[in-house]
Amino acid sequence: MVNDSFIHAVAGAAGGILAMTATYPLVFLSTRAANETQGKNKSTYQAVVDVLRREGLFGLYNGLDSSLLGIAVANGVYYYFYESTKGVIVRSRSGTEALSTLESILAGLISGSATTVISNPVWVIQAAQTVSGMNAISGEASAPSPSRRLGVLATAAHLLHTGGPAAFFRGLTPALVLVVNPVLQYTFFEQLKNALVRRRRMAGRMGPLLTDWDFFLLGAVSKFVATGVTYPYIVVKSRLQAGHATAERYRSALHGLRTIIAEEGIGGIYKGVGSKLLQSVLTAAILFASQRRIYELTKKVTFIHVSETHVFTNF
């Protein structure tokens, strides 16, 4: 019989691909904005028009292939480790299968750390693809020509040639700090979900206690809080992973934050926050709703016992 954690991993990867495809232009815009250091505060509309004028419609999807690979790997790994860790915790004690706040944090830290280390090379490739047009326009020597967009393998070869194997682990430190993002998201989600379930049970509600709409809203609210709190580190991580020229001076993630604030003002650590919040909220909402359905469908096919579902989003 197929392992239940493996089914969660497959469903999570499929849900992630669906959500990333639907929201990728917002991922692209927020990454570009986070790497902008010239003090330009473009609206989302202005940024879209600028990309369309310089790079065409498909410019908004530059890096989509590596992003789909990245979210599939990230979600699959996170799901597997989260469900495995949850199973160990539940079996080690008596009582309900619902995780407490501390148990949710522990499971999230273990799963998030494993996911970050394994998937970081893919996100470095995605960031390099996304800002390649920016770098070429600004005249950075290491940037490939915007007239020929490099695919995943070509971008990986370019990174290996210019930076060696270490290039694939750029931004790993702030990325590990950002493990707190899904921890905050899932802790908040779990507690809201548990409170809602208890309330409906006390009210004697018949039928399913949680609907797809509940998962959609809970996922959106929890991701909004998590991304809003951690966004400054997302900016530092994005610049490091993209190989931004100014990021070479960052001695650490914290030094990067101080440098950005000193040179660009407090607004520098929130560049692209609008499109990022919108993308993160929509992605999480779609994931929480669609992954649950994908898991149940897969479970019916494989005759696996139903268990609670969780989704990981690192972009």
Protein backbone atom coordinates (compact mmCIF):
# COMPACT_ATOMS: atom_id res chain seq x y z
CA MET A 1 0.00 0.00 0.00
CA VAL A 2 1.29 3.49 -0.88
CA ASN A 3 2.52 5.53 2.09
CA ASP A 4 0.05 8.23 3.20
CA SER A 5 2.80 10.85 3.48
CA PHE A 6 3.78 10.11 -0.13
CA ILE A 7 0.19 10.75 -1.28
CA HIS A 8 0.23 14.08 0.57
CA ALA A 9 3.51 14.92 -1.19
CA VAL A 10 2.10 14.13 -4.64
CA ALA A 11 -1.11 16.06 -3.99
CA GLY A 12 0.86 19.00 -2.62
CA ALA A 13 3.11 19.10 -5.66
CA ALA A 14 0.11 19.00 -8.02
CA GLY A 15 -1.71 21.71 -6.08
CA GLY A 16 1.42 23.85 -6.07
CA ILE A 17 1.82 23.60 -9.83
CA LEU A 18 -1.81 24.65 -10.32
CA ALA A 19 -1.51 27.64 -7.98
CA MET A 20 1.87 28.77 -9.35
CA THR A 21 0.63 28.66 -12.95
CA ALA A 22 -2.39 30.80 -12.02
CA THR A 23 -0.41 33.47 -10.14
CA TYR A 24 3.05 33.46 -11.76
CA PRO A 25 2.94 36.97 -13.31
CA LEU A 26 2.62 38.32 -9.74
CA VAL A 27 5.63 36.22 -8.66
CA PHE A 28 7.59 37.65 -11.57
CA LEU A 29 6.62 41.26 -10.76
CA SER A 30 7.37 40.99 -7.03
CA THR A 31 10.80 39.44 -7.74
CA ARG A 32 11.65 42.19 -10.22
CA ALA A 33 10.50 44.88 -7.75
CA ALA A 34 12.52 43.35 -4.88
CA ASN A 35 15.66 43.56 -7.05
CA GLU A 36 15.11 47.18 -8.09
CA THR A 37 17.60 49.50 -6.33
CA GLN A 38 17.25 52.71 -8.34
CA GLY A 39 14.54 54.22 -6.17
CA LYS A 40 11.80 53.66 -8.75
CA ASN A 41 8.45 53.02 -7.12
CA LYS A 42 6.36 51.64 -9.96
CA SER A 43 2.77 50.61 -9.55
CA THR A 44 1.85 47.06 -10.54
CA TYR A 45 0.17 48.46 -13.68
CA GLN A 46 3.29 50.45 -14.63
CA ALA A 47 5.50 47.41 -14.07
CA VAL A 48 3.28 45.25 -16.32
CA VAL A 49 3.31 47.87 -19.09
CA ASP A 50 7.10 48.20 -18.84
CA VAL A 51 7.66 44.43 -19.13
CA LEU A 52 5.20 44.12 -22.03
CA ARG A 53 6.94 46.96 -23.88
CA ARG A 54 10.47 45.61 -23.39
CA GLU A 55 10.01 41.85 -23.32
CA GLY A 56 6.55 41.10 -24.70
CA LEU A 57 3.69 39.09 -23.18
CA PHE A 58 5.85 36.05 -22.50
CA GLY A 59 8.20 38.23 -20.49
CA LEU A 60 5.72 37.98 -17.61
CA TYR A 61 6.26 34.21 -17.63
CA ASN A 62 10.06 34.25 -17.77
CA GLY A 63 11.20 31.69 -15.20
CA LEU A 64 7.87 29.84 -15.04
CA ASP A 65 9.48 26.50 -15.94
CA SER A 66 11.92 26.63 -13.02
CA SER A 67 9.17 27.95 -10.72
CA LEU A 68 6.92 24.98 -11.50
CA LEU A 69 9.84 22.64 -10.82
CA GLY A 70 10.63 24.54 -7.63
CA ILE A 71 7.10 24.53 -6.23
CA ALA A 72 6.66 20.85 -7.08
CA VAL A 73 9.89 19.97 -5.25
CA ALA A 74 9.17 22.33 -2.34
CA ASN A 75 5.59 21.21 -1.80
CA GLY A 76 6.41 17.54 -2.26
CA VAL A 77 9.30 17.61 0.21
CA TYR A 78 7.42 19.77 2.72
CA TYR A 79 4.32 17.60 2.63
CA TYR A 80 6.32 14.42 3.08
CA PHE A 81 8.35 15.70 6.03
CA TYR A 82 5.36 17.46 7.65
CA GLU A 83 3.07 14.45 7.51
CA SER A 84 5.85 12.10 8.64
CA THR A 85 6.73 14.40 11.56
CA LYS A 86 3.07 14.79 12.45
CA GLY A 87 2.63 11.02 12.47
CA VAL A 88 5.59 10.59 14.84
CA ILE A 89 4.21 13.27 17.20
CA VAL A 90 0.68 11.82 17.24
CA ARG A 91 1.92 8.27 17.83
CA SER A 92 4.18 9.42 20.69
CA ARG A 93 1.25 10.66 22.79
CA SER A 94 -2.38 9.94 23.52
CA GLY A 95 -5.34 12.16 22.72
CA THR A 96 -6.53 13.99 19.63
CA GLU A 97 -4.72 13.98 16.29
CA ALA A 98 -4.90 17.78 16.17
CA LEU A 99 -1.50 19.37 16.75
CA SER A 100 -0.98 21.93 19.49
CA THR A 101 0.67 25.29 18.72
CA LEU A 102 4.12 24.07 19.84
CA GLU A 103 3.72 20.80 17.93
CA SER A 104 2.75 22.71 14.77
CA ILE A 105 5.82 24.93 15.15
CA LEU A 106 8.13 21.91 15.62
CA ALA A 107 6.71 20.09 12.58
CA GLY A 108 6.94 23.27 10.53
CA LEU A 109 10.56 23.95 11.48
CA ILE A 110 11.68 20.42 10.59
CA SER A 111 9.76 20.34 7.31
CA GLY A 112 10.64 23.90 6.31
CA SER A 113 14.37 23.47 6.96
CA ALA A 114 14.56 20.27 4.90
CA THR A 115 12.57 21.85 2.08
CA THR A 116 14.69 25.02 2.01
CA VAL A 117 18.01 23.20 1.71
CA ILE A 118 16.76 20.79 -0.96
CA SER A 119 14.90 23.34 -3.10
CA ASN A 120 17.25 26.37 -2.83
CA PRO A 121 19.17 25.56 -6.07
CA VAL A 122 15.90 25.60 -8.04
CA TRP A 123 14.87 28.98 -6.61
CA VAL A 124 18.29 30.43 -7.44
CA ILE A 125 17.73 29.39 -11.07
CA GLN A 126 14.21 30.89 -11.00
CA ALA A 127 15.47 34.19 -9.59
CA ALA A 128 18.26 34.36 -12.18
CA GLN A 129 15.77 33.77 -15.01
CA THR A 130 13.34 36.37 -13.67
CA VAL A 131 15.85 39.22 -13.38
CA SER A 132 17.84 38.35 -16.52
CA GLY A 133 15.98 40.99 -18.54
CA MET A 134 16.56 43.60 -15.82
CA ASN A 135 20.27 42.86 -15.62
CA ALA A 136 20.72 42.97 -19.39
CA ILE A 137 18.95 46.33 -19.59
CA SER A 138 21.04 47.74 -16.74
CA GLY A 139 24.22 46.50 -18.42
CA GLU A 140 25.48 43.91 -15.96
CA ALA A 141 28.22 41.91 -17.65
CA SER A 142 27.19 38.58 -16.19
CA ALA A 143 23.65 38.77 -17.53
CA PRO A 144 22.66 36.78 -20.61
CA SER A 145 21.16 38.64 -23.55
CA PRO A 146 17.41 39.37 -23.13
CA SER A 147 16.90 38.37 -26.75
CA ARG A 148 17.55 34.75 -25.84
CA ARG A 149 15.84 33.64 -22.66
CA LEU A 150 17.72 30.75 -21.10
CA GLY A 151 15.85 27.63 -20.03
CA VAL A 152 16.34 25.80 -16.73
CA LEU A 153 19.35 23.72 -17.84
CA ALA A 154 21.00 26.60 -19.70
CA THR A 155 20.55 28.93 -16.72
CA ALA A 156 21.97 26.26 -14.40
CA ALA A 157 25.01 25.90 -16.70
CA HIS A 158 25.45 29.69 -16.77
CA LEU A 159 25.35 29.86 -12.95
CA LEU A 160 27.82 26.99 -12.63
CA HIS A 161 30.19 28.65 -15.09
CA THR A 162 30.07 32.10 -13.46
CA GLY A 163 29.78 31.19 -9.79
CA GLY A 164 30.63 27.54 -9.33
CA PRO A 165 28.58 25.07 -7.23
CA ALA A 166 28.29 27.63 -4.41
CA ALA A 167 26.10 29.79 -6.67
CA PHE A 168 23.22 27.35 -6.22
CA PHE A 169 23.16 28.06 -2.49
CA ARG A 170 23.11 31.83 -2.65
CA GLY A 171 20.58 33.27 -0.23
CA LEU A 172 20.38 30.06 1.81
CA THR A 173 20.81 31.84 5.17
CA PRO A 174 17.87 34.25 4.77
CA ALA A 175 15.92 31.41 3.16
CA LEU A 176 16.42 29.35 6.34
CA VAL A 177 15.33 32.35 8.42
CA LEU A 178 12.23 32.48 6.23
CA VAL A 179 11.30 28.99 7.41
CA VAL A 180 9.38 31.01 9.99
CA ASN A 181 7.01 32.07 7.17
CA PRO A 182 5.30 28.69 6.69
CA VAL A 183 5.63 28.05 10.45
CA LEU A 184 3.64 31.21 11.14
CA GLN A 185 1.25 30.36 8.31
CA TYR A 186 0.52 26.82 9.43
CA THR A 187 0.45 27.58 13.13
CA PHE A 188 -2.08 30.34 12.49
CA PHE A 189 -3.99 28.11 10.05
CA GLU A 190 -4.08 25.12 12.44
CA GLN A 191 -5.34 27.17 15.37
CA LEU A 192 -7.99 28.95 13.31
CA LYS A 193 -9.08 25.64 11.80
CA ASN A 194 -9.24 23.88 15.18
CA ALA A 195 -11.22 26.75 16.70
CA LEU A 196 -13.67 26.71 13.79
CA VAL A 197 -14.11 22.93 14.03
CA ARG A 198 -14.73 23.10 17.81
CA ARG A 199 -17.27 25.87 17.36
CA ARG A 200 -19.21 23.98 14.71
CA ARG A 201 -19.16 20.76 16.70
CA MET A 202 -20.56 22.59 19.73
CA ALA A 203 -23.25 24.05 17.50
CA GLY A 204 -24.19 20.49 16.42
CA ARG A 205 -23.46 21.06 12.76
CA MET A 206 -24.21 18.06 10.57
CA GLY A 207 -22.14 16.96 7.58
CA PRO A 208 -18.58 18.16 6.76
CA LEU A 209 -17.26 20.58 9.36
CA LEU A 210 -15.04 22.42 6.87
CA THR A 211 -15.89 23.37 3.29
CA ASP A 212 -13.64 24.25 0.35
CA TRP A 213 -14.53 27.90 0.97
CA ASP A 214 -13.34 27.57 4.60
CA PHE A 215 -9.97 26.21 3.44
CA PHE A 216 -9.74 29.00 0.87
CA LEU A 217 -10.34 31.77 3.43
CA LEU A 218 -8.22 30.25 6.20
CA GLY A 219 -5.34 29.75 3.79
CA ALA A 220 -5.60 33.34 2.53
CA VAL A 221 -5.72 34.92 6.01
CA SER A 222 -2.85 32.84 7.43
CA LYS A 223 -0.59 33.53 4.43
CA PHE A 224 -1.34 37.27 4.54
CA VAL A 225 -0.12 37.45 8.13
CA ALA A 226 2.99 35.32 7.53
CA THR A 227 4.13 37.17 4.40
CA GLY A 228 3.49 40.62 5.87
CA VAL A 229 5.70 39.84 8.87
CA THR A 230 8.60 38.25 6.94
CA TYR A 231 8.69 40.31 3.72
CA PRO A 232 11.92 42.28 4.45
CA TYR A 233 13.86 38.99 4.54
CA ILE A 234 12.17 37.95 1.29
CA VAL A 235 13.72 41.02 -0.37
CA VAL A 236 17.21 40.13 0.90
CA LYS A 237 16.82 36.48 -0.13
CA SER A 238 15.61 37.46 -3.59
CA ARG A 239 18.59 39.73 -4.22
CA LEU A 240 21.10 37.15 -3.01
CA GLN A 241 19.56 34.32 -5.05
CA ALA A 242 19.41 36.49 -8.17
CA GLY A 243 23.11 37.36 -7.82
CA HIS A 244 22.27 41.08 -7.57
CA ALA A 245 25.39 43.28 -7.78
CA THR A 246 24.59 45.17 -4.56
CA ALA A 247 23.94 41.90 -2.69
CA GLU A 248 27.60 40.92 -3.03
CA ARG A 249 28.32 43.45 -0.28
CA TYR A 250 25.91 41.84 2.19
CA ARG A 251 27.97 40.12 4.90
CA SER A 252 24.83 38.53 6.35
CA ALA A 253 21.07 38.70 5.98
CA LEU A 254 20.85 41.20 8.85
CA HIS A 255 23.63 43.31 7.33
CA GLY A 256 21.71 43.21 4.06
CA LEU A 257 18.62 44.61 5.77
CA ARG A 258 20.63 47.42 7.36
CA THR A 259 22.35 48.21 4.05
CA ILE A 260 19.06 48.41 2.13
CA ILE A 261 17.51 50.69 4.76
CA ALA A 262 20.60 52.93 4.81
CA GLU A 263 20.79 53.26 1.02
CA GLU A 264 17.15 53.05 -0.07
CA GLY A 265 15.18 53.97 3.02
CA ILE A 266 12.62 51.86 4.86
CA GLY A 267 10.67 51.50 1.60
CA GLY A 268 13.55 49.50 0.15
CA ILE A 269 12.77 46.44 2.27
CA TYR A 270 9.15 46.54 1.15
CA LYS A 271 9.62 46.88 -2.62
CA GLY A 272 7.13 44.67 -4.42
CA VAL A 273 5.19 43.92 -1.21
CA GLY A 274 1.82 44.68 -2.82
CA SER A 275 2.10 42.17 -5.67
CA LYS A 276 3.81 39.67 -3.33
CA LEU A 277 1.01 39.81 -0.77
CA LEU A 278 -1.62 39.44 -3.48
CA GLN A 279 0.25 36.53 -5.08
CA SER A 280 0.94 34.78 -1.77
CA VAL A 281 -2.64 35.09 -0.55
CA LEU A 282 -4.11 33.84 -3.84
CA THR A 283 -1.57 31.01 -4.07
CA ALA A 284 -2.19 29.84 -0.50
CA ALA A 285 -5.96 30.06 -0.92
CA ILE A 286 -5.89 28.06 -4.18
CA LEU A 287 -3.49 25.52 -2.65
CA PHE A 288 -5.49 24.91 0.50
CA ALA A 289 -8.69 24.45 -1.50
CA SER A 290 -7.34 22.47 -4.48
CA GLN A 291 -4.84 20.29 -2.63
CA ARG A 292 -7.56 18.97 -0.34
CA ARG A 293 -9.60 17.87 -3.37
CA ILE A 294 -6.57 16.39 -5.13
CA TYR A 295 -5.65 14.43 -2.02
CA GLU A 296 -9.18 13.05 -1.57
CA LEU A 297 -9.33 12.02 -5.22
CA THR A 298 -5.94 10.29 -4.97
CA LYS A 299 -7.01 8.66 -1.72
CA LYS A 300 -10.11 7.21 -3.34
CA VAL A 301 -8.01 5.72 -6.11
CA THR A 302 -5.42 4.22 -3.77
CA PHE A 303 -7.80 3.39 -0.88
CA ILE A 304 -5.70 5.33 1.61
CA HIS A 305 -7.17 6.51 4.91
CA VAL A 306 -8.04 10.24 5.01
CA SER A 307 -5.89 12.49 7.20
CA GLU A 308 -5.50 16.25 7.58
CA THR A 309 -3.77 18.20 4.79
CA HIS A 310 -1.13 20.94 4.79
CA VAL A 311 0.43 23.06 2.08
CA PHE A 312 3.84 24.76 1.83
CA THR A 313 4.38 28.06 -0.12
CA ASN A 314 8.11 29.52 -0.32
CA PHE A 315 7.76 32.38 -2.89
